[in-house]
Amino acid sequence: MGARVLIVGLDPDLVDYTDPDLPPGMDAARVHAGLVEVNAAFAARGDHVDTCVRARGL
């Protein structure tokens, strides 16, 4: 039995990607793709991943 992993963060669809503090070219699609890739990597190890995203300020 693998580990249980919880990924917590802001909803990528609600982030202001025009913020100059974020890496150039970052957008919601890249974040979603990264989450899919991370989930697949954990699953390949036999781990279970839950993702919790939230709106800013809630």
Protein backbone atom coordinates (compact mmCIF):
# COMPACT_ATOMS: atom_id res chain seq x y z
CA MET A 1 0.00 0.00 0.00
CA GLY A 2 1.36 3.39 -1.00
CA ALA A 3 1.27 6.72 0.74
CA ARG A 4 -1.66 9.10 0.75
CA VAL A 5 -0.74 12.55 -0.59
CA LEU A 6 -2.75 15.75 -0.26
CA ILE A 7 -2.00 18.63 -2.64
CA VAL A 8 -3.48 21.92 -1.42
CA GLY A 9 -3.43 25.23 -3.28
CA LEU A 10 -5.30 28.02 -4.96
CA ASP A 11 -7.65 27.20 -7.82
CA PRO A 12 -5.46 27.69 -10.92
CA ASP A 13 -8.44 29.11 -12.82
CA LEU A 14 -8.74 31.99 -10.33
CA VAL A 15 -5.09 33.12 -10.22
CA ASP A 16 -4.08 36.45 -11.81
CA TYR A 17 -1.30 35.33 -14.15
CA THR A 18 -0.46 38.93 -15.07
CA ASP A 19 1.20 39.27 -11.64
CA PRO A 20 4.89 40.04 -12.36
CA ASP A 21 5.95 37.86 -9.41
CA LEU A 22 4.83 34.73 -11.28
CA PRO A 23 7.10 33.00 -13.80
CA PRO A 24 6.73 34.25 -17.39
CA GLY A 25 4.38 32.14 -19.50
CA MET A 26 2.60 30.62 -16.50
CA ASP A 27 -1.11 30.05 -16.94
CA ALA A 28 -3.91 27.84 -15.64
CA ALA A 29 -3.43 25.24 -18.38
CA ARG A 30 0.24 24.75 -17.39
CA VAL A 31 -0.71 24.37 -13.72
CA HIS A 32 -3.44 21.84 -14.54
CA ALA A 33 -1.01 19.91 -16.76
CA GLY A 34 1.54 19.88 -13.94
CA LEU A 35 -1.03 18.50 -11.52
CA VAL A 36 -1.90 15.71 -13.96
CA GLU A 37 1.80 14.88 -14.32
CA VAL A 38 2.38 14.85 -10.56
CA ASN A 39 -0.71 12.69 -9.97
CA ALA A 40 0.55 10.20 -12.57
CA ALA A 41 4.00 10.08 -10.98
CA PHE A 42 2.56 9.37 -7.54
CA ALA A 43 0.17 6.76 -8.98
CA ALA A 44 3.09 5.03 -10.69
CA ARG A 45 4.66 4.63 -7.25
CA GLY A 46 1.43 3.20 -5.88
CA ASP A 47 0.48 6.33 -3.94
CA HIS A 48 -2.98 7.90 -3.75
CA VAL A 49 -3.35 11.65 -4.37
CA ASP A 50 -6.19 13.95 -3.34
CA THR A 51 -6.19 17.54 -4.58
CA CYS A 52 -7.88 20.39 -2.72
CA VAL A 53 -8.07 23.75 -4.50
CA ARG A 54 -9.70 26.84 -3.09
CA ALA A 55 -10.54 30.38 -4.03
CA ARG A 56 -8.28 33.08 -2.65
CA GLY A 57 -9.43 34.52 0.65
CA LEU A 58 -11.87 31.80 1.62
